[in-house]
Every structure is written in structure tokens, then in C-alpha cells.
Amino acid sequence: MLSKNKRKRFVRGEYHKQKPEEITPQRLKNIALNYLKRFEATEATLRTMLQRRVSLYAFYDKEFDKKKALEWVEQIVAEFVQRQYVDDARFAEIKIRHGIESGKSPRYILNRLREKGVDDDMAEQILAKQDYDPFAAALQLTKKRKIGPYSQDAEIRKNRRDKDLAVLVRAGFDYDLALKVLDFVPEEENP
């Protein structure tokens, strides 16, 4: 008997058992709907996901008209935007709120949204409407990572100061703000 890996084909970074089902406009629409049931997406991520599925099928079926299928993808994306199944502004607002609650810096949040295909101006406008305090966000990150003022004891805090500073700066916070956060003493520790 063949091993598990021998029965599957390795194509473009993934293992596939057999030839995928034929790509039709209805199948692409069903794939998109199932994807959107599980994930909130931008126009760009939905388009990319559908284009990958088309490319995978075209790899197996050499007579498949890939250009026509890519036109179907554009029609489906346009239809889903029109029906508001996909809304970049809604996606950005959700991700910005989550980023703020997680203690992420505005720079980090905007870069992640840019990666997902959200327009920079739209993301910046939505971020500006949010109640965001960089000091509180940096404190939230230090609390979550148990660094800086929230590390185990003063000796560890003193020895790890440079590393903790690097964590905050890599997370997108300004150097001066990172120093201020590391010097902060939580109220429960005040004498």
C-alpha cells in the first residue's frame, strides 16, 4: 500500500488527492459564499482566493479557458460588493477595533490592512474615528506579554529592559512612548 503522501499530488505548496471539481460560475459563487460564511474578507482577498481556485483547476485541465473564468471571478466579486457581502470599510473597522483592543500600534494596524487590500485613506479615516490612546495600547501589550512594568519582579525588569524596549518598538510604538511605558509603575505596585 502506498503511503499517505504518495497517494496525493503536491501542487503549488499544497497536497491534492485528485483533480478538483470543474470550475463553473455557480461553483465559484458557492466557493465564495462558503468562504464568506467562515471569514470576513476584503475585495482583494476574495478575488485572490477565487483566482487561486481557478488557477488550480486550470493546472489540471489544460483545455480550460482560464481567461473566461477570471472574468467570472470579477463578476462575482462585483456582485458581492454590490450586495454588501464584502465591504472593505466594515472589514477595516472590525480589524481596527480588534487591533486597538489587542494593544497594537496604529502603524501595525494600518500595515496589516494594507496587506489585505484596504485603501490607505479609508483605513486612516476609520482609525481617526476610533478612541485610541497609544499609551494605553502599549500598556495593554506589555500586560499581555508580561514585560516591562508587568514582568515578574524588579530584577527581571531591569535585566530585560532593552529587550522589552525592542518588543515595543517592533510593535510599531514610538521610541519615546516605549520608554515612558517601561518606566510606568502600575498602581497596585505603588507604595
C-alpha atoms as a PDB file:
ATOM      1  CA  MET A   1       0.000   0.000   0.000  1.00  0.00           C
ATOM      2  CA  LEU A   2       1.239   3.475  -0.844  1.00  0.00           C
ATOM      3  CA  SER A   3       1.972   5.884   1.932  1.00  0.00           C
ATOM      4  CA  LYS A   4      -0.367   8.801   2.512  1.00  0.00           C
ATOM      5  CA  ASN A   5       1.956  11.252   0.755  1.00  0.00           C
ATOM      6  CA  LYS A   6       2.378   9.012  -2.303  1.00  0.00           C
ATOM      7  CA  ARG A   7      -1.367   8.983  -2.987  1.00  0.00           C
ATOM      8  CA  LYS A   8      -1.612  12.756  -3.003  1.00  0.00           C
ATOM      9  CA  ARG A   9      -0.121  15.161  -5.511  1.00  0.00           C
ATOM     10  CA  PHE A  10       1.900  18.119  -4.330  1.00  0.00           C
ATOM     11  CA  VAL A  11       0.809  21.170  -6.321  1.00  0.00           C
ATOM     12  CA  ARG A  12       1.805  24.765  -5.619  1.00  0.00           C
ATOM     13  CA  GLY A  13       2.614  24.224  -1.968  1.00  0.00           C
ATOM     14  CA  GLU A  14      -0.386  22.011  -1.172  1.00  0.00           C
ATOM     15  CA  TYR A  15      -1.239  18.336  -1.334  1.00  0.00           C
ATOM     16  CA  HIS A  16      -4.194  17.441  -3.533  1.00  0.00           C
ATOM     17  CA  LYS A  17      -5.762  14.000  -3.668  1.00  0.00           C
ATOM     18  CA  GLN A  18      -7.245  14.235  -7.134  1.00  0.00           C
ATOM     19  CA  LYS A  19      -8.344  16.593  -9.865  1.00  0.00           C
ATOM     20  CA  PRO A  20     -10.568  19.360  -8.428  1.00  0.00           C
ATOM     21  CA  GLU A  21     -14.194  19.653  -9.466  1.00  0.00           C
ATOM     22  CA  GLU A  22     -14.915  21.561 -12.656  1.00  0.00           C
ATOM     23  CA  ILE A  23     -14.999  25.326 -12.285  1.00  0.00           C
ATOM     24  CA  THR A  24     -18.259  26.964 -13.358  1.00  0.00           C
ATOM     25  CA  PRO A  25     -19.722  30.365 -12.478  1.00  0.00           C
ATOM     26  CA  GLN A  26     -22.121  28.740  -9.989  1.00  0.00           C
ATOM     27  CA  ARG A  27     -19.336  26.693  -8.403  1.00  0.00           C
ATOM     28  CA  LEU A  28     -17.185  29.814  -7.987  1.00  0.00           C
ATOM     29  CA  LYS A  29     -20.127  31.617  -6.402  1.00  0.00           C
ATOM     30  CA  ASN A  30     -20.662  28.707  -3.984  1.00  0.00           C
ATOM     31  CA  ILE A  31     -16.959  28.653  -3.117  1.00  0.00           C
ATOM     32  CA  ALA A  32     -17.093  32.404  -2.397  1.00  0.00           C
ATOM     33  CA  LEU A  33     -20.229  32.107  -0.264  1.00  0.00           C
ATOM     34  CA  ASN A  34     -18.751  29.268   1.787  1.00  0.00           C
ATOM     35  CA  TYR A  35     -15.575  31.302   2.298  1.00  0.00           C
ATOM     36  CA  LEU A  36     -17.562  34.346   3.417  1.00  0.00           C
ATOM     37  CA  LYS A  37     -19.559  32.232   5.874  1.00  0.00           C
ATOM     38  CA  ARG A  38     -16.344  31.497   7.717  1.00  0.00           C
ATOM     39  CA  PHE A  39     -14.304  34.682   7.242  1.00  0.00           C
ATOM     40  CA  GLU A  40     -14.826  38.408   6.890  1.00  0.00           C
ATOM     41  CA  ALA A  41     -12.953  39.380   3.718  1.00  0.00           C
ATOM     42  CA  THR A  42     -11.947  42.296   1.554  1.00  0.00           C
ATOM     43  CA  GLU A  43     -12.486  42.525  -2.180  1.00  0.00           C
ATOM     44  CA  ALA A  44      -8.816  41.769  -2.720  1.00  0.00           C
ATOM     45  CA  THR A  45      -8.730  38.652  -0.522  1.00  0.00           C
ATOM     46  CA  LEU A  46     -11.910  37.251  -2.067  1.00  0.00           C
ATOM     47  CA  ARG A  47     -10.580  37.887  -5.571  1.00  0.00           C
ATOM     48  CA  THR A  48      -7.233  36.274  -4.737  1.00  0.00           C
ATOM     49  CA  MET A  49      -8.872  33.207  -3.211  1.00  0.00           C
ATOM     50  CA  LEU A  50     -11.116  32.675  -6.246  1.00  0.00           C
ATOM     51  CA  GLN A  51      -8.244  33.241  -8.674  1.00  0.00           C
ATOM     52  CA  ARG A  52      -6.215  30.589  -6.848  1.00  0.00           C
ATOM     53  CA  ARG A  53      -9.059  28.102  -7.244  1.00  0.00           C
ATOM     54  CA  VAL A  54      -9.290  28.887 -10.961  1.00  0.00           C
ATOM     55  CA  SER A  55      -5.525  28.502 -11.380  1.00  0.00           C
ATOM     56  CA  LEU A  56      -5.534  25.179  -9.563  1.00  0.00           C
ATOM     57  CA  TYR A  57      -8.258  23.803 -11.819  1.00  0.00           C
ATOM     58  CA  ALA A  58      -6.512  25.187 -14.918  1.00  0.00           C
ATOM     59  CA  PHE A  59      -3.360  23.324 -13.852  1.00  0.00           C
ATOM     60  CA  TYR A  60      -5.229  20.009 -14.114  1.00  0.00           C
ATOM     61  CA  ASP A  61      -7.387  20.794 -17.169  1.00  0.00           C
ATOM     62  CA  LYS A  62      -5.166  22.221 -19.909  1.00  0.00           C
ATOM     63  CA  GLU A  63      -8.151  22.964 -22.215  1.00  0.00           C
ATOM     64  CA  PHE A  64      -9.893  25.052 -19.570  1.00  0.00           C
ATOM     65  CA  ASP A  65     -10.472  28.705 -20.595  1.00  0.00           C
ATOM     66  CA  LYS A  66      -8.788  30.497 -17.718  1.00  0.00           C
ATOM     67  CA  LYS A  67      -9.463  33.995 -19.113  1.00  0.00           C
ATOM     68  CA  LYS A  68     -13.211  33.393 -19.114  1.00  0.00           C
ATOM     69  CA  ALA A  69     -13.065  32.020 -15.570  1.00  0.00           C
ATOM     70  CA  LEU A  70     -11.164  35.099 -14.389  1.00  0.00           C
ATOM     71  CA  GLU A  71     -13.946  37.235 -15.884  1.00  0.00           C
ATOM     72  CA  TRP A  72     -16.416  35.187 -13.816  1.00  0.00           C
ATOM     73  CA  VAL A  73     -14.326  35.954 -10.743  1.00  0.00           C
ATOM     74  CA  GLU A  74     -14.542  39.702 -11.413  1.00  0.00           C
ATOM     75  CA  GLN A  75     -18.316  39.474 -11.929  1.00  0.00           C
ATOM     76  CA  ILE A  76     -18.773  37.543  -8.681  1.00  0.00           C
ATOM     77  CA  VAL A  77     -16.630  39.994  -6.701  1.00  0.00           C
ATOM     78  CA  ALA A  78     -18.546  42.951  -8.160  1.00  0.00           C
ATOM     79  CA  GLU A  79     -21.879  41.284  -7.341  1.00  0.00           C
ATOM     80  CA  PHE A  80     -20.814  40.529  -3.769  1.00  0.00           C
ATOM     81  CA  VAL A  81     -19.641  44.120  -3.254  1.00  0.00           C
ATOM     82  CA  GLN A  82     -22.928  45.432  -4.637  1.00  0.00           C
ATOM     83  CA  ARG A  83     -24.891  43.136  -2.292  1.00  0.00           C
ATOM     84  CA  GLN A  84     -22.565  44.142   0.580  1.00  0.00           C
ATOM     85  CA  TYR A  85     -21.440  40.585   1.274  1.00  0.00           C
ATOM     86  CA  VAL A  86     -17.953  42.078   1.021  1.00  0.00           C
ATOM     87  CA  ASP A  87     -17.304  45.524   2.460  1.00  0.00           C
ATOM     88  CA  ASP A  88     -13.773  46.848   2.882  1.00  0.00           C
ATOM     89  CA  ALA A  89     -14.904  49.572   5.310  1.00  0.00           C
ATOM     90  CA  ARG A  90     -16.653  47.045   7.566  1.00  0.00           C
ATOM     91  CA  PHE A  91     -13.591  44.774   7.426  1.00  0.00           C
ATOM     92  CA  ALA A  92     -11.278  47.679   8.311  1.00  0.00           C
ATOM     93  CA  GLU A  93     -13.461  48.772  11.220  1.00  0.00           C
ATOM     94  CA  ILE A  94     -13.531  45.250  12.676  1.00  0.00           C
ATOM     95  CA  LYS A  95      -9.768  44.811  12.335  1.00  0.00           C
ATOM     96  CA  ILE A  96      -9.014  48.268  13.727  1.00  0.00           C
ATOM     97  CA  ARG A  97     -11.201  47.685  16.782  1.00  0.00           C
ATOM     98  CA  HIS A  98      -9.620  44.300  17.370  1.00  0.00           C
ATOM     99  CA  GLY A  99      -6.127  45.756  16.934  1.00  0.00           C
ATOM    100  CA  ILE A 100      -6.799  48.540  19.419  1.00  0.00           C
ATOM    101  CA  GLU A 101      -8.185  46.075  21.965  1.00  0.00           C
ATOM    102  CA  SER A 102      -5.117  43.871  21.476  1.00  0.00           C
ATOM    103  CA  GLY A 103      -2.707  46.742  22.126  1.00  0.00           C
ATOM    104  CA  LYS A 104      -1.447  47.137  18.551  1.00  0.00           C
ATOM    105  CA  SER A 105       0.024  50.380  17.286  1.00  0.00           C
ATOM    106  CA  PRO A 106      -1.653  52.386  14.520  1.00  0.00           C
ATOM    107  CA  ARG A 107       1.329  51.718  12.250  1.00  0.00           C
ATOM    108  CA  TYR A 108       0.957  47.962  12.740  1.00  0.00           C
ATOM    109  CA  ILE A 109      -2.820  48.057  12.192  1.00  0.00           C
ATOM    110  CA  LEU A 110      -2.550  50.132   9.007  1.00  0.00           C
ATOM    111  CA  ASN A 111       0.158  47.865   7.586  1.00  0.00           C
ATOM    112  CA  ARG A 112      -1.968  44.770   8.191  1.00  0.00           C
ATOM    113  CA  LEU A 113      -4.933  46.410   6.470  1.00  0.00           C
ATOM    114  CA  ARG A 114      -2.739  47.412   3.533  1.00  0.00           C
ATOM    115  CA  GLU A 115      -1.684  43.763   3.188  1.00  0.00           C
ATOM    116  CA  LYS A 116      -5.346  42.766   2.985  1.00  0.00           C
ATOM    117  CA  GLY A 117      -6.012  45.276   0.194  1.00  0.00           C
ATOM    118  CA  VAL A 118      -7.811  48.003   2.151  1.00  0.00           C
ATOM    119  CA  ASP A 119      -7.364  51.543   0.804  1.00  0.00           C
ATOM    120  CA  ASP A 120      -4.943  53.564   2.973  1.00  0.00           C
ATOM    121  CA  ASP A 121      -7.120  56.685   3.098  1.00  0.00           C
ATOM    122  CA  MET A 122     -10.197  54.708   4.148  1.00  0.00           C
ATOM    123  CA  ALA A 123      -8.249  52.883   6.862  1.00  0.00           C
ATOM    124  CA  GLU A 124      -6.766  56.113   8.225  1.00  0.00           C
ATOM    125  CA  GLN A 125     -10.204  57.789   8.334  1.00  0.00           C
ATOM    126  CA  ILE A 126     -11.714  54.853  10.216  1.00  0.00           C
ATOM    127  CA  LEU A 127      -8.753  54.768  12.622  1.00  0.00           C
ATOM    128  CA  ALA A 128      -9.102  58.514  13.260  1.00  0.00           C
ATOM    129  CA  LYS A 129     -12.750  57.998  14.317  1.00  0.00           C
ATOM    130  CA  GLN A 130     -11.765  55.411  16.932  1.00  0.00           C
ATOM    131  CA  ASP A 131     -10.993  56.277  20.526  1.00  0.00           C
ATOM    132  CA  TYR A 132      -7.301  55.380  20.581  1.00  0.00           C
ATOM    133  CA  ASP A 133      -4.765  56.073  23.304  1.00  0.00           C
ATOM    134  CA  PRO A 134      -1.245  54.957  22.272  1.00  0.00           C
ATOM    135  CA  PHE A 135      -0.048  54.824  25.888  1.00  0.00           C
ATOM    136  CA  ALA A 136      -2.949  52.556  26.902  1.00  0.00           C
ATOM    137  CA  ALA A 137      -2.352  50.354  23.851  1.00  0.00           C
ATOM    138  CA  ALA A 138       1.341  49.987  24.669  1.00  0.00           C
ATOM    139  CA  LEU A 139       0.455  49.176  28.292  1.00  0.00           C
ATOM    140  CA  GLN A 140      -2.016  46.589  27.064  1.00  0.00           C
ATOM    141  CA  LEU A 141       0.759  44.961  25.019  1.00  0.00           C
ATOM    142  CA  THR A 142       3.165  44.934  27.974  1.00  0.00           C
ATOM    143  CA  LYS A 143       0.482  43.395  30.173  1.00  0.00           C
ATOM    144  CA  LYS A 144      -0.326  40.758  27.566  1.00  0.00           C
ATOM    145  CA  ARG A 145       3.353  39.868  27.003  1.00  0.00           C
ATOM    146  CA  LYS A 146       4.205  40.221  30.740  1.00  0.00           C
ATOM    147  CA  ILE A 147       7.068  42.579  30.028  1.00  0.00           C
ATOM    148  CA  GLY A 148       8.152  45.970  31.347  1.00  0.00           C
ATOM    149  CA  PRO A 149       6.014  47.081  34.289  1.00  0.00           C
ATOM    150  CA  TYR A 150       4.146  43.767  34.267  1.00  0.00           C
ATOM    151  CA  SER A 151       7.164  41.459  34.431  1.00  0.00           C
ATOM    152  CA  GLN A 152       7.619  39.139  37.397  1.00  0.00           C
ATOM    153  CA  ASP A 153       9.902  41.270  39.544  1.00  0.00           C
ATOM    154  CA  ALA A 154      12.116  44.368  39.512  1.00  0.00           C
ATOM    155  CA  GLU A 155      15.357  42.435  38.873  1.00  0.00           C
ATOM    156  CA  ILE A 156      13.965  40.766  35.747  1.00  0.00           C
ATOM    157  CA  ARG A 157      12.522  44.104  34.613  1.00  0.00           C
ATOM    158  CA  LYS A 158      15.929  45.766  34.960  1.00  0.00           C
ATOM    159  CA  ASN A 159      17.811  42.984  33.117  1.00  0.00           C
ATOM    160  CA  ARG A 160      15.323  42.782  30.247  1.00  0.00           C
ATOM    161  CA  ARG A 161      14.766  46.498  29.693  1.00  0.00           C
ATOM    162  CA  ASP A 162      16.487  46.616  26.265  1.00  0.00           C
ATOM    163  CA  LYS A 163      14.638  43.527  25.056  1.00  0.00           C
ATOM    164  CA  ASP A 164      11.311  44.893  26.266  1.00  0.00           C
ATOM    165  CA  LEU A 165      12.052  48.196  24.550  1.00  0.00           C
ATOM    166  CA  ALA A 166      12.773  46.321  21.312  1.00  0.00           C
ATOM    167  CA  VAL A 167       9.443  44.458  21.594  1.00  0.00           C
ATOM    168  CA  LEU A 168       7.524  47.736  21.860  1.00  0.00           C
ATOM    169  CA  VAL A 169       9.406  49.439  19.026  1.00  0.00           C
ATOM    170  CA  ARG A 170       8.970  46.427  16.726  1.00  0.00           C
ATOM    171  CA  ALA A 171       5.265  46.507  17.523  1.00  0.00           C
ATOM    172  CA  GLY A 172       5.182  49.984  15.960  1.00  0.00           C
ATOM    173  CA  PHE A 173       5.239  52.257  19.003  1.00  0.00           C
ATOM    174  CA  ASP A 174       7.459  55.359  19.071  1.00  0.00           C
ATOM    175  CA  TYR A 175      10.729  55.129  20.980  1.00  0.00           C
ATOM    176  CA  ASP A 176       9.794  57.896  23.445  1.00  0.00           C
ATOM    177  CA  LEU A 177       6.420  56.291  24.163  1.00  0.00           C
ATOM    178  CA  ALA A 178       8.091  52.898  24.671  1.00  0.00           C
ATOM    179  CA  LEU A 179      10.478  54.426  27.238  1.00  0.00           C
ATOM    180  CA  LYS A 180       7.562  56.086  29.035  1.00  0.00           C
ATOM    181  CA  VAL A 181       5.659  52.774  29.177  1.00  0.00           C
ATOM    182  CA  LEU A 182       8.678  50.870  30.507  1.00  0.00           C
ATOM    183  CA  ASP A 183       9.133  53.469  33.276  1.00  0.00           C
ATOM    184  CA  PHE A 184       5.452  53.287  34.234  1.00  0.00           C
ATOM    185  CA  VAL A 185       4.664  51.775  37.615  1.00  0.00           C
ATOM    186  CA  PRO A 186       1.241  50.090  37.848  1.00  0.00           C
ATOM    187  CA  GLU A 187      -0.981  51.374  40.665  1.00  0.00           C
ATOM    188  CA  GLU A 188      -1.009  48.063  42.531  1.00  0.00           C
ATOM    189  CA  GLU A 189       2.799  48.354  42.891  1.00  0.00           C
ATOM    190  CA  ASN A 190       2.827  51.988  44.069  1.00  0.00           C
ATOM    191  CA  PRO A 191       3.900  52.234  47.751  1.00  0.00           C
END
